[in-house]
N, C-alpha and C. Protein backbone atom coordinates (compact mmCIF):
# COMPACT_ATOMS: atom_id res chain seq x y z
N UNK A 1 25.99 -12.74 -10.93
CA UNK A 1 24.63 -13.03 -11.35
C UNK A 1 23.70 -12.08 -10.59
N UNK A 2 22.87 -11.36 -11.32
CA UNK A 2 22.00 -10.39 -10.70
C UNK A 2 20.76 -11.01 -10.09
N UNK A 3 20.06 -10.19 -9.33
CA UNK A 3 18.85 -10.66 -8.67
C UNK A 3 17.78 -11.07 -9.67
N UNK A 4 17.65 -10.32 -10.76
CA UNK A 4 16.65 -10.64 -11.78
C UNK A 4 16.94 -11.99 -12.43
N UNK A 5 18.21 -12.29 -12.66
CA UNK A 5 18.58 -13.57 -13.27
C UNK A 5 18.27 -14.72 -12.32
N UNK A 6 18.49 -14.52 -11.03
CA UNK A 6 18.20 -15.56 -10.05
C UNK A 6 16.70 -15.82 -9.99
N UNK A 7 15.90 -14.75 -9.98
CA UNK A 7 14.45 -14.92 -9.95
C UNK A 7 13.94 -15.62 -11.20
N UNK A 8 14.52 -15.28 -12.34
CA UNK A 8 14.12 -15.93 -13.59
C UNK A 8 14.47 -17.42 -13.56
N UNK A 9 15.64 -17.75 -13.02
CA UNK A 9 16.06 -19.15 -12.90
C UNK A 9 15.12 -19.92 -11.99
N UNK A 10 14.69 -19.31 -10.90
CA UNK A 10 13.76 -19.97 -9.98
C UNK A 10 12.41 -20.19 -10.63
N UNK A 11 11.94 -19.22 -11.42
CA UNK A 11 10.67 -19.37 -12.13
C UNK A 11 10.75 -20.50 -13.14
N UNK A 12 11.87 -20.58 -13.85
CA UNK A 12 12.04 -21.66 -14.82
C UNK A 12 12.11 -23.02 -14.14
N UNK A 13 12.75 -23.06 -12.98
CA UNK A 13 12.82 -24.32 -12.24
C UNK A 13 11.43 -24.76 -11.77
N UNK A 14 10.61 -23.81 -11.38
CA UNK A 14 9.24 -24.13 -10.98
C UNK A 14 8.43 -24.68 -12.13
N UNK A 15 8.57 -24.06 -13.30
CA UNK A 15 7.88 -24.56 -14.49
C UNK A 15 8.36 -25.96 -14.85
N UNK A 16 9.65 -26.16 -14.78
CA UNK A 16 10.21 -27.48 -15.10
C UNK A 16 9.70 -28.53 -14.13
N UNK A 17 9.52 -28.17 -12.87
CA UNK A 17 8.99 -29.11 -11.88
C UNK A 17 7.58 -29.55 -12.20
N UNK A 18 6.75 -28.62 -12.64
CA UNK A 18 5.38 -28.96 -13.01
C UNK A 18 5.37 -29.91 -14.20
N UNK A 19 6.15 -29.61 -15.21
CA UNK A 19 6.19 -30.47 -16.39
C UNK A 19 6.83 -31.82 -16.08
N UNK A 20 7.75 -31.87 -15.14
CA UNK A 20 8.37 -33.14 -14.76
C UNK A 20 7.34 -34.06 -14.12
N UNK A 21 6.48 -33.52 -13.27
CA UNK A 21 5.43 -34.33 -12.64
C UNK A 21 4.46 -34.83 -13.71
N UNK A 22 4.12 -33.99 -14.66
CA UNK A 22 3.24 -34.40 -15.75
C UNK A 22 3.88 -35.52 -16.56
N UNK A 23 5.16 -35.39 -16.87
CA UNK A 23 5.86 -36.42 -17.64
C UNK A 23 5.93 -37.74 -16.88
N UNK A 24 6.14 -37.68 -15.56
CA UNK A 24 6.15 -38.90 -14.76
C UNK A 24 4.79 -39.60 -14.79
N UNK A 25 3.73 -38.83 -14.72
CA UNK A 25 2.39 -39.41 -14.79
C UNK A 25 2.13 -40.10 -16.12
N UNK A 26 2.56 -39.47 -17.19
CA UNK A 26 2.37 -40.06 -18.52
C UNK A 26 3.22 -41.32 -18.64
N UNK A 27 4.46 -41.25 -18.19
CA UNK A 27 5.34 -42.41 -18.27
C UNK A 27 4.81 -43.58 -17.47
N UNK A 28 4.30 -43.32 -16.27
CA UNK A 28 3.73 -44.40 -15.47
C UNK A 28 2.50 -45.01 -16.13
N UNK A 29 1.67 -44.16 -16.73
CA UNK A 29 0.48 -44.68 -17.41
C UNK A 29 0.87 -45.60 -18.56
N UNK A 30 1.86 -45.22 -19.34
CA UNK A 30 2.30 -46.06 -20.45
C UNK A 30 2.95 -47.34 -19.96
N UNK A 31 3.74 -47.25 -18.90
CA UNK A 31 4.51 -48.40 -18.43
C UNK A 31 3.65 -49.40 -17.68
N UNK A 32 2.79 -48.93 -16.80
CA UNK A 32 2.03 -49.84 -15.93
C UNK A 32 0.78 -50.35 -16.64
N UNK A 33 0.00 -49.47 -17.20
CA UNK A 33 -1.28 -49.85 -17.79
C UNK A 33 -1.11 -50.42 -19.19
N UNK A 34 -0.05 -50.02 -19.87
CA UNK A 34 0.22 -50.41 -21.25
C UNK A 34 -0.89 -49.96 -22.19
N UNK A 35 -1.45 -48.81 -21.85
CA UNK A 35 -2.51 -48.21 -22.67
C UNK A 35 -2.24 -46.72 -22.76
N UNK A 36 -2.32 -46.15 -23.94
CA UNK A 36 -2.02 -44.71 -24.07
C UNK A 36 -3.13 -43.83 -23.50
N UNK A 37 -3.16 -43.70 -22.19
CA UNK A 37 -4.16 -42.87 -21.52
C UNK A 37 -3.66 -41.42 -21.52
N UNK A 38 -4.29 -40.58 -22.29
CA UNK A 38 -3.85 -39.19 -22.42
C UNK A 38 -4.70 -38.23 -21.59
N UNK A 39 -5.39 -38.74 -20.59
CA UNK A 39 -6.23 -37.87 -19.78
C UNK A 39 -5.40 -36.89 -18.95
N UNK A 40 -4.17 -37.25 -18.63
CA UNK A 40 -3.32 -36.33 -17.85
C UNK A 40 -3.07 -35.05 -18.64
N UNK A 41 -2.76 -35.19 -19.92
CA UNK A 41 -2.52 -34.01 -20.74
C UNK A 41 -3.80 -33.19 -20.91
N UNK A 42 -4.92 -33.86 -21.11
CA UNK A 42 -6.18 -33.15 -21.28
C UNK A 42 -6.62 -32.42 -20.02
N UNK A 43 -6.46 -33.05 -18.87
CA UNK A 43 -6.84 -32.41 -17.60
C UNK A 43 -5.95 -31.22 -17.31
N UNK A 44 -4.66 -31.38 -17.55
CA UNK A 44 -3.70 -30.30 -17.32
C UNK A 44 -4.03 -29.09 -18.21
N UNK A 45 -4.28 -29.36 -19.47
CA UNK A 45 -4.59 -28.29 -20.42
C UNK A 45 -5.93 -27.64 -20.11
N UNK A 46 -6.92 -28.43 -19.74
CA UNK A 46 -8.22 -27.87 -19.41
C UNK A 46 -8.12 -26.94 -18.20
N UNK A 47 -7.35 -27.31 -17.21
CA UNK A 47 -7.14 -26.43 -16.06
C UNK A 47 -6.43 -25.14 -16.45
N UNK A 48 -5.45 -25.24 -17.33
CA UNK A 48 -4.72 -24.04 -17.78
C UNK A 48 -5.63 -23.11 -18.57
N UNK A 49 -6.46 -23.67 -19.43
CA UNK A 49 -7.39 -22.85 -20.21
C UNK A 49 -8.42 -22.19 -19.30
N UNK A 50 -8.89 -22.93 -18.31
CA UNK A 50 -9.84 -22.35 -17.36
C UNK A 50 -9.23 -21.18 -16.62
N UNK A 51 -8.00 -21.34 -16.17
CA UNK A 51 -7.31 -20.24 -15.48
C UNK A 51 -7.15 -19.04 -16.39
N UNK A 52 -6.75 -19.26 -17.63
CA UNK A 52 -6.57 -18.16 -18.57
C UNK A 52 -7.88 -17.42 -18.82
N UNK A 53 -8.94 -18.16 -19.10
CA UNK A 53 -10.22 -17.51 -19.40
C UNK A 53 -10.77 -16.75 -18.20
N UNK A 54 -10.58 -17.30 -17.01
CA UNK A 54 -11.11 -16.61 -15.83
C UNK A 54 -10.30 -15.36 -15.50
N UNK A 55 -8.99 -15.41 -15.69
CA UNK A 55 -8.20 -14.21 -15.43
C UNK A 55 -8.46 -13.14 -16.49
N UNK A 56 -8.73 -13.56 -17.72
CA UNK A 56 -9.09 -12.60 -18.77
C UNK A 56 -10.44 -11.95 -18.48
N UNK A 57 -11.32 -12.66 -17.77
CA UNK A 57 -12.63 -12.13 -17.41
C UNK A 57 -12.58 -11.35 -16.09
N UNK A 58 -11.39 -11.04 -15.61
CA UNK A 58 -11.16 -10.24 -14.39
C UNK A 58 -11.66 -10.92 -13.12
N UNK A 59 -11.66 -12.25 -13.10
CA UNK A 59 -11.98 -12.99 -11.88
C UNK A 59 -10.75 -12.92 -10.98
N UNK A 60 -10.91 -12.73 -9.67
CA UNK A 60 -9.75 -12.69 -8.78
C UNK A 60 -8.90 -13.96 -8.90
N UNK A 61 -7.60 -13.79 -8.87
CA UNK A 61 -6.66 -14.89 -9.11
C UNK A 61 -6.86 -16.08 -8.16
N UNK A 62 -7.04 -15.88 -6.85
CA UNK A 62 -7.23 -17.06 -5.99
C UNK A 62 -8.46 -17.88 -6.38
N UNK A 63 -9.54 -17.21 -6.74
CA UNK A 63 -10.74 -17.92 -7.17
C UNK A 63 -10.50 -18.63 -8.49
N UNK A 64 -9.79 -18.00 -9.41
CA UNK A 64 -9.49 -18.61 -10.70
C UNK A 64 -8.59 -19.84 -10.52
N UNK A 65 -7.64 -19.78 -9.60
CA UNK A 65 -6.76 -20.93 -9.34
C UNK A 65 -7.54 -22.11 -8.79
N UNK A 66 -8.43 -21.83 -7.84
CA UNK A 66 -9.24 -22.90 -7.26
C UNK A 66 -10.16 -23.50 -8.32
N UNK A 67 -10.78 -22.65 -9.12
CA UNK A 67 -11.68 -23.14 -10.17
C UNK A 67 -10.93 -23.97 -11.21
N UNK A 68 -9.73 -23.54 -11.57
CA UNK A 68 -8.97 -24.30 -12.57
C UNK A 68 -8.52 -25.64 -12.00
N UNK A 69 -8.14 -25.69 -10.74
CA UNK A 69 -7.76 -26.96 -10.12
C UNK A 69 -8.96 -27.90 -10.04
N UNK A 70 -10.12 -27.38 -9.69
CA UNK A 70 -11.32 -28.20 -9.62
C UNK A 70 -11.75 -28.69 -11.00
N UNK A 71 -11.57 -27.85 -12.01
CA UNK A 71 -11.92 -28.25 -13.38
C UNK A 71 -11.03 -29.40 -13.84
N UNK A 72 -9.73 -29.28 -13.61
CA UNK A 72 -8.81 -30.35 -13.96
C UNK A 72 -9.10 -31.63 -13.19
N UNK A 73 -9.41 -31.48 -11.90
CA UNK A 73 -9.73 -32.64 -11.07
C UNK A 73 -11.02 -33.33 -11.53
N UNK A 74 -12.00 -32.52 -11.91
CA UNK A 74 -13.26 -33.08 -12.40
C UNK A 74 -13.04 -33.84 -13.71
N UNK A 75 -12.21 -33.29 -14.59
CA UNK A 75 -11.92 -33.99 -15.84
C UNK A 75 -11.22 -35.32 -15.57
N UNK A 76 -10.31 -35.34 -14.62
CA UNK A 76 -9.64 -36.58 -14.27
C UNK A 76 -10.59 -37.57 -13.63
N UNK A 77 -11.52 -37.08 -12.80
CA UNK A 77 -12.49 -37.97 -12.16
C UNK A 77 -13.44 -38.58 -13.18
N UNK A 78 -13.86 -37.79 -14.15
CA UNK A 78 -14.74 -38.32 -15.20
C UNK A 78 -14.01 -39.39 -16.01
N UNK A 79 -12.74 -39.19 -16.26
CA UNK A 79 -11.96 -40.17 -17.00
C UNK A 79 -11.80 -41.46 -16.20
N UNK A 80 -11.70 -41.33 -14.88
CA UNK A 80 -11.49 -42.50 -14.02
C UNK A 80 -12.73 -43.37 -13.91
N UNK A 81 -13.89 -42.79 -14.20
CA UNK A 81 -15.14 -43.57 -14.05
C UNK A 81 -15.27 -44.59 -15.09
């Protein structure tokens, strides 16, 4: 197995980890609250779109990451109110 294949496997494992946490959050919301709260998917997607748009606008990546995390967190906070 070459170095490139190992790096690709690690990247895929990282992606899978993010989606696994998202799936656990959705599952807990359905199981505990018994209400289809889809704010986790909306917050996750809003953060991803924010990151994409900011990187397309040539904003430095660390700033774009912080802004996307804050955007997702703000969407979740508004939902919690």
